[in-house]
Amino acid sequence: MIKKGIKVKILTGKDKNKDGEVIEIDRPNNRAKVKGINLVKKHIKTTKEKKGGIFSKENFLHISNIKIIQDAKKNEKTEIKKWYQDWKKYILKKYNLTLRKNLVLKIPIWGQNYKRLF
């Protein structure tokens, strides 16, 4: 899933094979803005507060034209320690994620067929 801050590669268009970071996502229209990619010229009218002129800014790309290079969850490592105590197998998993803390799972030795997904 493409999220804000993930590094992506452009697959098609004038900026093909370039890398960039996702700045903004428009989920209803399946579009994303990538930093420094798909620059367009925007003509701004002069007002009292702002000076006018021609400015370059990023435009949206369709999500199908983007490939994820670096996924935050895949790069984070986990430490796993296993030990047996009182006929039960204990598994300690340490995650680098901020949302999850250390998890201790109690699994009976005879229940090796059980698989719990976290």
PDB file of N, CA and C in Angstrom:
ATOM      1  N   MET A   1       0.845  -1.175   0.000  1.00  0.00           N
ATOM      2  CA  MET A   1       0.000   0.000   0.000  1.00  0.00           C
ATOM      3  C   MET A   1       0.892   1.239   0.000  1.00  0.00           C
ATOM      4  N   ILE A   2       0.562   2.158  -0.833  1.00  0.00           N
ATOM      5  CA  ILE A   2       1.341   3.386  -0.933  1.00  0.00           C
ATOM      6  C   ILE A   2       0.881   4.354   0.140  1.00  0.00           C
ATOM      7  N   LYS A   3       1.847   4.858   0.905  1.00  0.00           N
ATOM      8  CA  LYS A   3       1.560   5.800   1.976  1.00  0.00           C
ATOM      9  C   LYS A   3       2.464   7.006   1.838  1.00  0.00           C
ATOM     10  N   LYS A   4       2.125   8.044   2.558  1.00  0.00           N
ATOM     11  CA  LYS A   4       2.927   9.266   2.555  1.00  0.00           C
ATOM     12  C   LYS A   4       4.290   8.983   3.182  1.00  0.00           C
ATOM     13  N   GLY A   5       5.361   9.423   2.513  1.00  0.00           N
ATOM     14  CA  GLY A   5       6.712   9.248   3.040  1.00  0.00           C
ATOM     15  C   GLY A   5       7.444   8.035   2.501  1.00  0.00           C
ATOM     16  N   ILE A   6       6.783   7.172   1.755  1.00  0.00           N
ATOM     17  CA  ILE A   6       7.424   5.970   1.207  1.00  0.00           C
ATOM     18  C   ILE A   6       8.178   6.338  -0.071  1.00  0.00           C
ATOM     19  N   LYS A   7       9.328   5.709  -0.271  1.00  0.00           N
ATOM     20  CA  LYS A   7      10.133   5.952  -1.467  1.00  0.00           C
ATOM     21  C   LYS A   7       9.587   5.096  -2.603  1.00  0.00           C
ATOM     22  N   VAL A   8       9.393   5.727  -3.781  1.00  0.00           N
ATOM     23  CA  VAL A   8       8.803   5.029  -4.925  1.00  0.00           C
ATOM     24  C   VAL A   8       9.618   5.276  -6.193  1.00  0.00           C
ATOM     25  N   LYS A   9       9.374   4.429  -7.201  1.00  0.00           N
ATOM     26  CA  LYS A   9      10.002   4.555  -8.517  1.00  0.00           C
ATOM     27  C   LYS A   9       8.895   4.755  -9.543  1.00  0.00           C
ATOM     28  N   ILE A  10       9.128   5.634 -10.513  1.00  0.00           N
ATOM     29  CA  ILE A  10       8.143   5.928 -11.544  1.00  0.00           C
ATOM     30  C   ILE A  10       8.327   4.939 -12.697  1.00  0.00           C
ATOM     31  N   LEU A  11       7.236   4.323 -13.148  1.00  0.00           N
ATOM     32  CA  LEU A  11       7.293   3.286 -14.181  1.00  0.00           C
ATOM     33  C   LEU A  11       7.045   3.816 -15.591  1.00  0.00           C
ATOM     34  N   THR A  12       6.231   4.884 -15.729  1.00  0.00           N
ATOM     35  CA  THR A  12       5.898   5.395 -17.056  1.00  0.00           C
ATOM     36  C   THR A  12       5.946   6.913 -17.075  1.00  0.00           C
ATOM     37  N   GLY A  13       5.908   7.463 -18.274  1.00  0.00           N
ATOM     38  CA  GLY A  13       5.825   8.914 -18.425  1.00  0.00           C
ATOM     39  C   GLY A  13       7.177   9.558 -18.666  1.00  0.00           C
ATOM     40  N   LYS A  14       7.194  10.897 -18.626  1.00  0.00           N
ATOM     41  CA  LYS A  14       8.416  11.638 -18.928  1.00  0.00           C
ATOM     42  C   LYS A  14       9.475  11.482 -17.844  1.00  0.00           C
ATOM     43  N   ASP A  15       9.081  11.103 -16.642  1.00  0.00           N
ATOM     44  CA  ASP A  15      10.018  10.912 -15.530  1.00  0.00           C
ATOM     45  C   ASP A  15      10.261   9.437 -15.238  1.00  0.00           C
ATOM     46  N   LYS A  16      10.219   8.598 -16.256  1.00  0.00           N
ATOM     47  CA  LYS A  16      10.381   7.153 -16.095  1.00  0.00           C
ATOM     48  C   LYS A  16      11.732   6.824 -15.453  1.00  0.00           C
ATOM     49  N   ASN A  17      11.745   5.830 -14.565  1.00  0.00           N
ATOM     50  CA  ASN A  17      12.928   5.331 -13.844  1.00  0.00           C
ATOM     51  C   ASN A  17      13.508   6.328 -12.850  1.00  0.00           C
ATOM     52  N   LYS A  18      12.777   7.353 -12.484  1.00  0.00           N
ATOM     53  CA  LYS A  18      13.233   8.288 -11.453  1.00  0.00           C
ATOM     54  C   LYS A  18      12.654   7.863 -10.105  1.00  0.00           C
ATOM     55  N   ASP A  19      13.383   8.225  -9.031  1.00  0.00           N
ATOM     56  CA  ASP A  19      12.942   7.904  -7.679  1.00  0.00           C
ATOM     57  C   ASP A  19      12.472   9.166  -6.980  1.00  0.00           C
ATOM     58  N   GLY A  20      11.582   8.989  -6.031  1.00  0.00           N
ATOM     59  CA  GLY A  20      11.107  10.125  -5.254  1.00  0.00           C
ATOM     60  C   GLY A  20      10.313   9.664  -4.048  1.00  0.00           C
ATOM     61  N   GLU A  21       9.937  10.625  -3.221  1.00  0.00           N
ATOM     62  CA  GLU A  21       9.190  10.340  -1.999  1.00  0.00           C
ATOM     63  C   GLU A  21       7.757  10.845  -2.162  1.00  0.00           C
ATOM     64  N   VAL A  22       6.794  10.067  -1.694  1.00  0.00           N
ATOM     65  CA  VAL A  22       5.386  10.437  -1.811  1.00  0.00           C
ATOM     66  C   VAL A  22       5.092  11.592  -0.857  1.00  0.00           C
ATOM     67  N   ILE A  23       4.532  12.679  -1.409  1.00  0.00           N
ATOM     68  CA  ILE A  23       4.198  13.867  -0.614  1.00  0.00           C
ATOM     69  C   ILE A  23       2.733  13.841  -0.182  1.00  0.00           C
ATOM     70  N   GLU A  24       1.870  13.489  -1.127  1.00  0.00           N
ATOM     71  CA  GLU A  24       0.431  13.583  -0.889  1.00  0.00           C
ATOM     72  C   GLU A  24      -0.273  12.457  -1.635  1.00  0.00           C
ATOM     73  N   ILE A  25      -1.406  11.994  -1.084  1.00  0.00           N
ATOM     74  CA  ILE A  25      -2.165  10.909  -1.722  1.00  0.00           C
ATOM     75  C   ILE A  25      -3.632  11.322  -1.834  1.00  0.00           C
ATOM     76  N   ASP A  26      -4.217  11.048  -2.996  1.00  0.00           N
ATOM     77  CA  ASP A  26      -5.636  11.280  -3.247  1.00  0.00           C
ATOM     78  C   ASP A  26      -6.283   9.912  -3.429  1.00  0.00           C
ATOM     79  N   ARG A  27      -6.767   9.326  -2.346  1.00  0.00           N
ATOM     80  CA  ARG A  27      -7.305   7.955  -2.372  1.00  0.00           C
ATOM     81  C   ARG A  27      -8.553   7.791  -3.244  1.00  0.00           C
ATOM     82  N   PRO A  28      -9.530   8.698  -3.200  1.00  0.00           N
ATOM     83  CA  PRO A  28     -10.719   8.480  -4.049  1.00  0.00           C
ATOM     84  C   PRO A  28     -10.403   8.396  -5.541  1.00  0.00           C
ATOM     85  N   ASN A  29      -9.379   9.129  -5.989  1.00  0.00           N
ATOM     86  CA  ASN A  29      -9.025   9.125  -7.409  1.00  0.00           C
ATOM     87  C   ASN A  29      -7.812   8.257  -7.715  1.00  0.00           C
ATOM     88  N   ASN A  30      -7.274   7.543  -6.725  1.00  0.00           N
ATOM     89  CA  ASN A  30      -6.108   6.666  -6.888  1.00  0.00           C
ATOM     90  C   ASN A  30      -4.913   7.406  -7.476  1.00  0.00           C
ATOM     91  N   ARG A  31      -4.574   8.533  -6.884  1.00  0.00           N
ATOM     92  CA  ARG A  31      -3.473   9.348  -7.378  1.00  0.00           C
ATOM     93  C   ARG A  31      -2.536   9.729  -6.229  1.00  0.00           C
ATOM     94  N   ALA A  32      -1.269   9.997  -6.587  1.00  0.00           N
ATOM     95  CA  ALA A  32      -0.271  10.379  -5.580  1.00  0.00           C
ATOM     96  C   ALA A  32       0.668  11.428  -6.158  1.00  0.00           C
ATOM     97  N   LYS A  33       1.138  12.339  -5.289  1.00  0.00           N
ATOM     98  CA  LYS A  33       2.146  13.319  -5.669  1.00  0.00           C
ATOM     99  C   LYS A  33       3.492  12.828  -5.183  1.00  0.00           C
ATOM    100  N   VAL A  34       4.502  12.917  -6.059  1.00  0.00           N
ATOM    101  CA  VAL A  34       5.853  12.483  -5.725  1.00  0.00           C
ATOM    102  C   VAL A  34       6.776  13.698  -5.811  1.00  0.00           C
ATOM    103  N   LYS A  35       7.637  13.847  -4.809  1.00  0.00           N
ATOM    104  CA  LYS A  35       8.517  15.016  -4.718  1.00  0.00           C
ATOM    105  C   LYS A  35       9.478  15.072  -5.914  1.00  0.00           C
ATOM    106  N   GLY A  36       9.442  16.197  -6.651  1.00  0.00           N
ATOM    107  CA  GLY A  36      10.343  16.416  -7.767  1.00  0.00           C
ATOM    108  C   GLY A  36       9.982  15.693  -9.051  1.00  0.00           C
ATOM    109  N   ILE A  37       8.817  15.059  -9.104  1.00  0.00           N
ATOM    110  CA  ILE A  37       8.398  14.281 -10.273  1.00  0.00           C
ATOM    111  C   ILE A  37       7.126  14.888 -10.858  1.00  0.00           C
ATOM    112  N   ASN A  38       6.987  14.806 -12.193  1.00  0.00           N
ATOM    113  CA  ASN A  38       5.813  15.292 -12.917  1.00  0.00           C
ATOM    114  C   ASN A  38       5.570  16.780 -12.645  1.00  0.00           C
ATOM    115  N   LEU A  39       6.623  17.582 -12.840  1.00  0.00           N
ATOM    116  CA  LEU A  39       6.517  19.020 -12.615  1.00  0.00           C
ATOM    117  C   LEU A  39       5.740  19.673 -13.750  1.00  0.00           C
ATOM    118  N   VAL A  40       4.837  20.577 -13.397  1.00  0.00           N
ATOM    119  CA  VAL A  40       4.063  21.335 -14.370  1.00  0.00           C
ATOM    120  C   VAL A  40       4.215  22.819 -14.057  1.00  0.00           C
ATOM    121  N   LYS A  41       4.007  23.639 -15.065  1.00  0.00           N
ATOM    122  CA  LYS A  41       4.080  25.092 -14.896  1.00  0.00           C
ATOM    123  C   LYS A  41       2.709  25.617 -14.487  1.00  0.00           C
ATOM    124  N   LYS A  42       2.685  26.439 -13.450  1.00  0.00           N
ATOM    125  CA  LYS A  42       1.435  27.012 -12.952  1.00  0.00           C
ATOM    126  C   LYS A  42       1.537  28.529 -13.056  1.00  0.00           C
ATOM    127  N   HIS A  43       0.594  29.141 -13.751  1.00  0.00           N
ATOM    128  CA  HIS A  43       0.564  30.599 -13.894  1.00  0.00           C
ATOM    129  C   HIS A  43      -0.238  31.183 -12.749  1.00  0.00           C
ATOM    130  N   ILE A  44       0.417  32.023 -11.955  1.00  0.00           N
ATOM    131  CA  ILE A  44      -0.220  32.621 -10.780  1.00  0.00           C
ATOM    132  C   ILE A  44      -0.433  34.110 -11.045  1.00  0.00           C
ATOM    133  N   LYS A  45      -1.645  34.576 -10.777  1.00  0.00           N
ATOM    134  CA  LYS A  45      -1.973  35.978 -10.965  1.00  0.00           C
ATOM    135  C   LYS A  45      -1.458  36.796  -9.781  1.00  0.00           C
ATOM    136  N   THR A  46      -1.011  38.013 -10.033  1.00  0.00           N
ATOM    137  CA  THR A  46      -0.503  38.878  -8.978  1.00  0.00           C
ATOM    138  C   THR A  46      -1.661  39.374  -8.117  1.00  0.00           C
ATOM    139  N   THR A  47      -1.472  39.295  -6.802  1.00  0.00           N
ATOM    140  CA  THR A  47      -2.449  39.814  -5.845  1.00  0.00           C
ATOM    141  C   THR A  47      -1.738  40.768  -4.894  1.00  0.00           C
ATOM    142  N   LYS A  48      -2.472  41.291  -3.922  1.00  0.00           N
ATOM    143  CA  LYS A  48      -1.862  42.201  -2.947  1.00  0.00           C
ATOM    144  C   LYS A  48      -0.857  41.475  -2.055  1.00  0.00           C
ATOM    145  N   GLU A  49      -1.148  40.235  -1.715  1.00  0.00           N
ATOM    146  CA  GLU A  49      -0.288  39.468  -0.817  1.00  0.00           C
ATOM    147  C   GLU A  49       0.859  38.768  -1.549  1.00  0.00           C
ATOM    148  N   LYS A  50       0.587  38.255  -2.734  1.00  0.00           N
ATOM    149  CA  LYS A  50       1.570  37.424  -3.439  1.00  0.00           C
ATOM    150  C   LYS A  50       1.972  38.038  -4.770  1.00  0.00           C
ATOM    151  N   LYS A  51       3.224  37.800  -5.108  1.00  0.00           N
ATOM    152  CA  LYS A  51       3.726  38.209  -6.409  1.00  0.00           C
ATOM    153  C   LYS A  51       3.382  37.108  -7.415  1.00  0.00           C
ATOM    154  N   GLY A  52       2.934  37.486  -8.576  1.00  0.00           N
ATOM    155  CA  GLY A  52       2.540  36.519  -9.594  1.00  0.00           C
ATOM    156  C   GLY A  52       3.710  36.045 -10.424  1.00  0.00           C
ATOM    157  N   GLY A  53       3.426  35.160 -11.352  1.00  0.00           N
ATOM    158  CA  GLY A  53       4.456  34.651 -12.231  1.00  0.00           C
ATOM    159  C   GLY A  53       4.183  33.209 -12.618  1.00  0.00           C
ATOM    160  N   ILE A  54       5.201  32.565 -13.157  1.00  0.00           N
ATOM    161  CA  ILE A  54       5.097  31.164 -13.565  1.00  0.00           C
ATOM    162  C   ILE A  54       5.915  30.330 -12.592  1.00  0.00           C
ATOM    163  N   PHE A  55       5.253  29.389 -11.928  1.00  0.00           N
ATOM    164  CA  PHE A  55       5.900  28.553 -10.926  1.00  0.00           C
ATOM    165  C   PHE A  55       5.791  27.083 -11.321  1.00  0.00           C
ATOM    166  N   SER A  56       6.794  26.297 -10.940  1.00  0.00           N
ATOM    167  CA  SER A  56       6.755  24.845 -11.157  1.00  0.00           C
ATOM    168  C   SER A  56       6.263  24.167  -9.893  1.00  0.00           C
ATOM    169  N   LYS A  57       5.386  23.190 -10.057  1.00  0.00           N
ATOM    170  CA  LYS A  57       4.913  22.420  -8.909  1.00  0.00           C
ATOM    171  C   LYS A  57       4.639  20.986  -9.342  1.00  0.00           C
ATOM    172  N   GLU A  58       4.605  20.088  -8.357  1.00  0.00           N
ATOM    173  CA  GLU A  58       4.340  18.679  -8.638  1.00  0.00           C
ATOM    174  C   GLU A  58       2.867  18.480  -8.958  1.00  0.00           C
ATOM    175  N   ASN A  59       2.607  17.556  -9.867  1.00  0.00           N
ATOM    176  CA  ASN A  59       1.239  17.199 -10.210  1.00  0.00           C
ATOM    177  C   ASN A  59       1.013  15.732  -9.826  1.00  0.00           C
ATOM    178  N   PHE A  60      -0.236  15.316  -9.743  1.00  0.00           N
ATOM    179  CA  PHE A  60      -0.567  13.956  -9.346  1.00  0.00           C
ATOM    180  C   PHE A  60      -0.232  12.953 -10.437  1.00  0.00           C
ATOM    181  N   LEU A  61       0.166  11.735 -10.007  1.00  0.00           N
ATOM    182  CA  LEU A  61       0.375  10.577 -10.882  1.00  0.00           C
ATOM    183  C   LEU A  61      -0.601   9.491 -10.467  1.00  0.00           C
ATOM    184  N   HIS A  62      -0.980   8.650 -11.417  1.00  0.00           N
ATOM    185  CA  HIS A  62      -1.848   7.525 -11.058  1.00  0.00           C
ATOM    186  C   HIS A  62      -1.022   6.474 -10.324  1.00  0.00           C
ATOM    187  N   ILE A  63      -1.628   5.830  -9.341  1.00  0.00           N
ATOM    188  CA  ILE A  63      -0.920   4.865  -8.494  1.00  0.00           C
ATOM    189  C   ILE A  63      -0.411   3.669  -9.300  1.00  0.00           C
ATOM    190  N   SER A  64      -1.053   3.329 -10.406  1.00  0.00           N
ATOM    191  CA  SER A  64      -0.606   2.190 -11.213  1.00  0.00           C
ATOM    192  C   SER A  64       0.733   2.461 -11.902  1.00  0.00           C
ATOM    193  N   ASN A  65       1.143   3.711 -11.972  1.00  0.00           N
ATOM    194  CA  ASN A  65       2.413   4.082 -12.601  1.00  0.00           C
ATOM    195  C   ASN A  65       3.543   4.220 -11.591  1.00  0.00           C
ATOM    196  N   ILE A  66       3.311   3.777 -10.377  1.00  0.00           N
ATOM    197  CA  ILE A  66       4.284   3.919  -9.290  1.00  0.00           C
ATOM    198  C   ILE A  66       4.599   2.544  -8.713  1.00  0.00           C
ATOM    199  N   LYS A  67       5.879   2.317  -8.390  1.00  0.00           N
ATOM    200  CA  LYS A  67       6.301   1.062  -7.767  1.00  0.00           C
ATOM    201  C   LYS A  67       7.014   1.396  -6.454  1.00  0.00           C
ATOM    202  N   ILE A  68       6.682   0.675  -5.390  1.00  0.00           N
ATOM    203  CA  ILE A  68       7.302   0.919  -4.089  1.00  0.00           C
ATOM    204  C   ILE A  68       8.716   0.359  -4.102  1.00  0.00           C
ATOM    205  N   ILE A  69       9.687   1.190  -3.708  1.00  0.00           N
ATOM    206  CA  ILE A  69      11.080   0.748  -3.605  1.00  0.00           C
ATOM    207  C   ILE A  69      11.378   0.303  -2.184  1.00  0.00           C
ATOM    208  N   GLN A  70      11.020   1.153  -1.245  1.00  0.00           N
ATOM    209  CA  GLN A  70      11.354   0.895   0.150  1.00  0.00           C
ATOM    210  C   GLN A  70      10.074   0.880   0.967  1.00  0.00           C
ATOM    211  N   ASP A  71       9.804  -0.233   1.589  1.00  0.00           N
ATOM    212  CA  ASP A  71       8.646  -0.348   2.460  1.00  0.00           C
ATOM    213  C   ASP A  71       9.136  -0.315   3.886  1.00  0.00           C
ATOM    214  N   ALA A  72       8.546   0.534   4.698  1.00  0.00           N
ATOM    215  CA  ALA A  72       9.027   0.736   6.064  1.00  0.00           C
ATOM    216  C   ALA A  72       8.963  -0.547   6.895  1.00  0.00           C
ATOM    217  N   LYS A  73       7.907  -1.342   6.722  1.00  0.00           N
ATOM    218  CA  LYS A  73       7.756  -2.542   7.543  1.00  0.00           C
ATOM    219  C   LYS A  73       8.746  -3.640   7.160  1.00  0.00           C
ATOM    220  N   LYS A  74       9.107  -3.739   5.901  1.00  0.00           N
ATOM    221  CA  LYS A  74      10.002  -4.801   5.468  1.00  0.00           C
ATOM    222  C   LYS A  74      11.423  -4.592   5.973  1.00  0.00           C
ATOM    223  N   ASN A  75      11.834  -3.346   6.144  1.00  0.00           N
ATOM    224  CA  ASN A  75      13.201  -3.065   6.547  1.00  0.00           C
ATOM    225  C   ASN A  75      13.419  -3.186   8.052  1.00  0.00           C
ATOM    226  N   GLU A  76      12.359  -3.199   8.827  1.00  0.00           N
ATOM    227  CA  GLU A  76      12.511  -3.278  10.270  1.00  0.00           C
ATOM    228  C   GLU A  76      12.748  -4.716  10.699  1.00  0.00           C
ATOM    229  N   LYS A  77      13.691  -4.895  11.607  1.00  0.00           N
ATOM    230  CA  LYS A  77      14.081  -6.225  12.040  1.00  0.00           C
ATOM    231  C   LYS A  77      13.329  -6.620  13.303  1.00  0.00           C
ATOM    232  N   THR A  78      13.187  -7.914  13.494  1.00  0.00           N
ATOM    233  CA  THR A  78      12.586  -8.425  14.713  1.00  0.00           C
ATOM    234  C   THR A  78      13.566  -9.380  15.366  1.00  0.00           C
ATOM    235  N   GLU A  79      13.575  -9.341  16.692  1.00  0.00           N
ATOM    236  CA  GLU A  79      14.385 -10.294  17.452  1.00  0.00           C
ATOM    237  C   GLU A  79      13.440 -11.330  18.027  1.00  0.00           C
ATOM    238  N   ILE A  80      13.795 -12.592  17.903  1.00  0.00           N
ATOM    239  CA  ILE A  80      12.946 -13.667  18.414  1.00  0.00           C
ATOM    240  C   ILE A  80      13.762 -14.519  19.374  1.00  0.00           C
ATOM    241  N   LYS A  81      13.216 -14.712  20.561  1.00  0.00           N
ATOM    242  CA  LYS A  81      13.833 -15.607  21.540  1.00  0.00           C
ATOM    243  C   LYS A  81      12.800 -16.663  21.915  1.00  0.00           C
ATOM    244  N   LYS A  82      13.237 -17.919  21.986  1.00  0.00           N
ATOM    245  CA  LYS A  82      12.332 -19.020  22.334  1.00  0.00           C
ATOM    246  C   LYS A  82      12.908 -19.773  23.523  1.00  0.00           C
ATOM    247  N   TRP A  83      12.043 -20.192  24.430  1.00  0.00           N
ATOM    248  CA  TRP A  83      12.469 -21.033  25.542  1.00  0.00           C
ATOM    249  C   TRP A  83      11.272 -21.846  26.044  1.00  0.00           C
ATOM    250  N   TYR A  84      11.568 -22.912  26.794  1.00  0.00           N
ATOM    251  CA  TYR A  84      10.547 -23.804  27.338  1.00  0.00           C
ATOM    252  C   TYR A  84      10.514 -23.650  28.857  1.00  0.00           C
ATOM    253  N   GLN A  85       9.302 -23.608  29.405  1.00  0.00           N
ATOM    254  CA  GLN A  85       9.141 -23.511  30.848  1.00  0.00           C
ATOM    255  C   GLN A  85       7.757 -24.059  31.203  1.00  0.00           C
ATOM    256  N   ASP A  86       7.709 -24.936  32.175  1.00  0.00           N
ATOM    257  CA  ASP A  86       6.448 -25.539  32.631  1.00  0.00           C
ATOM    258  C   ASP A  86       5.660 -26.156  31.482  1.00  0.00           C
ATOM    259  N   TRP A  87       6.341 -26.924  30.656  1.00  0.00           N
ATOM    260  CA  TRP A  87       5.737 -27.627  29.530  1.00  0.00           C
ATOM    261  C   TRP A  87       5.089 -26.684  28.518  1.00  0.00           C
ATOM    262  N   LYS A  88       5.540 -25.461  28.483  1.00  0.00           N
ATOM    263  CA  LYS A  88       5.011 -24.520  27.506  1.00  0.00           C
ATOM    264  C   LYS A  88       6.159 -23.840  26.787  1.00  0.00           C
ATOM    265  N   LYS A  89       5.914 -23.518  25.563  1.00  0.00           N
ATOM    266  CA  LYS A  89       6.920 -22.847  24.750  1.00  0.00           C
ATOM    267  C   LYS A  89       6.624 -21.350  24.756  1.00  0.00           C
ATOM    268  N   TYR A  90       7.610 -20.565  25.115  1.00  0.00           N
ATOM    269  CA  TYR A  90       7.453 -19.120  25.150  1.00  0.00           C
ATOM    270  C   TYR A  90       8.231 -18.506  23.987  1.00  0.00           C
ATOM    271  N   ILE A  91       7.611 -17.562  23.322  1.00  0.00           N
ATOM    272  CA  ILE A  91       8.259 -16.864  22.225  1.00  0.00           C
ATOM    273  C   ILE A  91       8.212 -15.374  22.530  1.00  0.00           C
ATOM    274  N   LEU A  92       9.374 -14.746  22.545  1.00  0.00           N
ATOM    275  CA  LEU A  92       9.457 -13.308  22.773  1.00  0.00           C
ATOM    276  C   LEU A  92       9.844 -12.652  21.458  1.00  0.00           C
ATOM    277  N   LYS A  93       8.985 -11.782  20.964  1.00  0.00           N
ATOM    278  CA  LYS A  93       9.261 -11.081  19.719  1.00  0.00           C
ATOM    279  C   LYS A  93       9.416  -9.602  20.032  1.00  0.00           C
ATOM    280  N   LYS A  94      10.524  -9.026  19.587  1.00  0.00           N
ATOM    281  CA  LYS A  94      10.758  -7.599  19.769  1.00  0.00           C
ATOM    282  C   LYS A  94      10.638  -6.930  18.410  1.00  0.00           C
ATOM    283  N   TYR A  95       9.734  -5.970  18.311  1.00  0.00           N
ATOM    284  CA  TYR A  95       9.505  -5.251  17.065  1.00  0.00           C
ATOM    285  C   TYR A  95      10.093  -3.853  17.172  1.00  0.00           C
ATOM    286  N   ASN A  96      10.565  -3.349  16.068  1.00  0.00           N
ATOM    287  CA  ASN A  96      11.031  -1.969  16.017  1.00  0.00           C
ATOM    288  C   ASN A  96       9.889  -1.006  15.720  1.00  0.00           C
ATOM    289  N   LEU A  97       8.700  -1.534  15.516  1.00  0.00           N
ATOM    290  CA  LEU A  97       7.553  -0.679  15.238  1.00  0.00           C
ATOM    291  C   LEU A  97       7.175   0.100  16.485  1.00  0.00           C
ATOM    292  N   THR A  98       6.676   1.294  16.315  1.00  0.00           N
ATOM    293  CA  THR A  98       6.259   2.098  17.459  1.00  0.00           C
ATOM    294  C   THR A  98       4.886   1.664  17.967  1.00  0.00           C
ATOM    295  N   LEU A  99       4.065   1.091  17.082  1.00  0.00           N
ATOM    296  CA  LEU A  99       2.718   0.705  17.487  1.00  0.00           C
ATOM    297  C   LEU A  99       2.709  -0.567  18.336  1.00  0.00           C
ATOM    298  N   ARG A 100       3.643  -1.482  18.049  1.00  0.00           N
ATOM    299  CA  ARG A 100       3.671  -2.746  18.772  1.00  0.00           C
ATOM    300  C   ARG A 100       4.790  -2.754  19.792  1.00  0.00           C
ATOM    301  N   LYS A 101       4.528  -3.367  20.914  1.00  0.00           N
ATOM    302  CA  LYS A 101       5.562  -3.511  21.938  1.00  0.00           C
ATOM    303  C   LYS A 101       5.945  -4.985  22.010  1.00  0.00           C
ATOM    304  N   ASN A 102       6.763  -5.340  22.983  1.00  0.00           N
ATOM    305  CA  ASN A 102       7.207  -6.728  23.111  1.00  0.00           C
ATOM    306  C   ASN A 102       6.012  -7.649  23.330  1.00  0.00           C
ATOM    307  N   LEU A 103       5.981  -8.731  22.599  1.00  0.00           N
ATOM    308  CA  LEU A 103       4.894  -9.702  22.710  1.00  0.00           C
ATOM    309  C   LEU A 103       5.454 -11.019  23.242  1.00  0.00           C
ATOM    310  N   VAL A 104       4.806 -11.568  24.243  1.00  0.00           N
ATOM    311  CA  VAL A 104       5.177 -12.886  24.738  1.00  0.00           C
ATOM    312  C   VAL A 104       4.004 -13.806  24.459  1.00  0.00           C
ATOM    313  N   LEU A 105       4.255 -14.849  23.667  1.00  0.00           N
ATOM    314  CA  LEU A 105       3.218 -15.808  23.305  1.00  0.00           C
ATOM    315  C   LEU A 105       3.433 -17.099  24.073  1.00  0.00           C
ATOM    316  N   LYS A 106       2.370 -17.600  24.673  1.00  0.00           N
ATOM    317  CA  LYS A 106       2.437 -18.888  25.359  1.00  0.00           C
ATOM    318  C   LYS A 106       1.826 -19.932  24.445  1.00  0.00           C
ATOM    319  N   ILE A 107       2.637 -20.861  23.980  1.00  0.00           N
ATOM    320  CA  ILE A 107       2.166 -21.911  23.082  1.00  0.00           C
ATOM    321  C   ILE A 107       2.512 -23.256  23.715  1.00  0.00           C
ATOM    322  N   PRO A 108       1.540 -24.141  23.930  1.00  0.00           N
ATOM    323  CA  PRO A 108       1.856 -25.465  24.458  1.00  0.00           C
ATOM    324  C   PRO A 108       2.754 -26.228  23.491  1.00  0.00           C
ATOM    325  N   ILE A 109       3.624 -27.076  24.030  1.00  0.00           N
ATOM    326  CA  ILE A 109       4.564 -27.826  23.210  1.00  0.00           C
ATOM    327  C   ILE A 109       3.817 -28.735  22.237  1.00  0.00           C
ATOM    328  N   TRP A 110       2.730 -29.338  22.695  1.00  0.00           N
ATOM    329  CA  TRP A 110       1.999 -30.265  21.847  1.00  0.00           C
ATOM    330  C   TRP A 110       1.163 -29.517  20.804  1.00  0.00           C
ATOM    331  N   GLY A 111       1.103 -28.197  20.852  1.00  0.00           N
ATOM    332  CA  GLY A 111       0.299 -27.433  19.896  1.00  0.00           C
ATOM    333  C   GLY A 111       1.146 -26.753  18.846  1.00  0.00           C
ATOM    334  N   GLN A 112       2.089 -27.464  18.271  1.00  0.00           N
ATOM    335  CA  GLN A 112       2.967 -26.865  17.272  1.00  0.00           C
ATOM    336  C   GLN A 112       2.230 -26.540  15.977  1.00  0.00           C
ATOM    337  N   ASN A 113       1.051 -27.112  15.770  1.00  0.00           N
ATOM    338  CA  ASN A 113       0.328 -26.870  14.533  1.00  0.00           C
ATOM    339  C   ASN A 113      -0.369 -25.494  14.536  1.00  0.00           C
ATOM    340  N   TYR A 114      -0.468 -24.883  15.719  1.00  0.00           N
ATOM    341  CA  TYR A 114      -1.114 -23.574  15.801  1.00  0.00           C
ATOM    342  C   TYR A 114      -0.177 -22.517  15.213  1.00  0.00           C
ATOM    343  N   LYS A 115      -0.756 -21.616  14.460  1.00  0.00           N
ATOM    344  CA  LYS A 115       0.010 -20.491  13.948  1.00  0.00           C
ATOM    345  C   LYS A 115      -0.770 -19.219  14.241  1.00  0.00           C
ATOM    346  N   ARG A 116      -0.109 -18.291  14.896  1.00  0.00           N
ATOM    347  CA  ARG A 116      -0.753 -17.017  15.200  1.00  0.00           C
ATOM    348  C   ARG A 116      -0.075 -15.936  14.397  1.00  0.00           C
ATOM    349  N   LEU A 117      -0.868 -15.125  13.765  1.00  0.00           N
ATOM    350  CA  LEU A 117      -0.322 -14.050  12.946  1.00  0.00           C
ATOM    351  C   LEU A 117      -0.402 -12.736  13.710  1.00  0.00           C
ATOM    352  N   PHE A 118       0.706 -12.003  13.703  1.00  0.00           N
ATOM    353  CA  PHE A 118       0.738 -10.693  14.351  1.00  0.00           C
ATOM    354  C   PHE A 118       1.270  -9.679  13.384  1.00  0.00           C
TER     355      PHE A 118
END
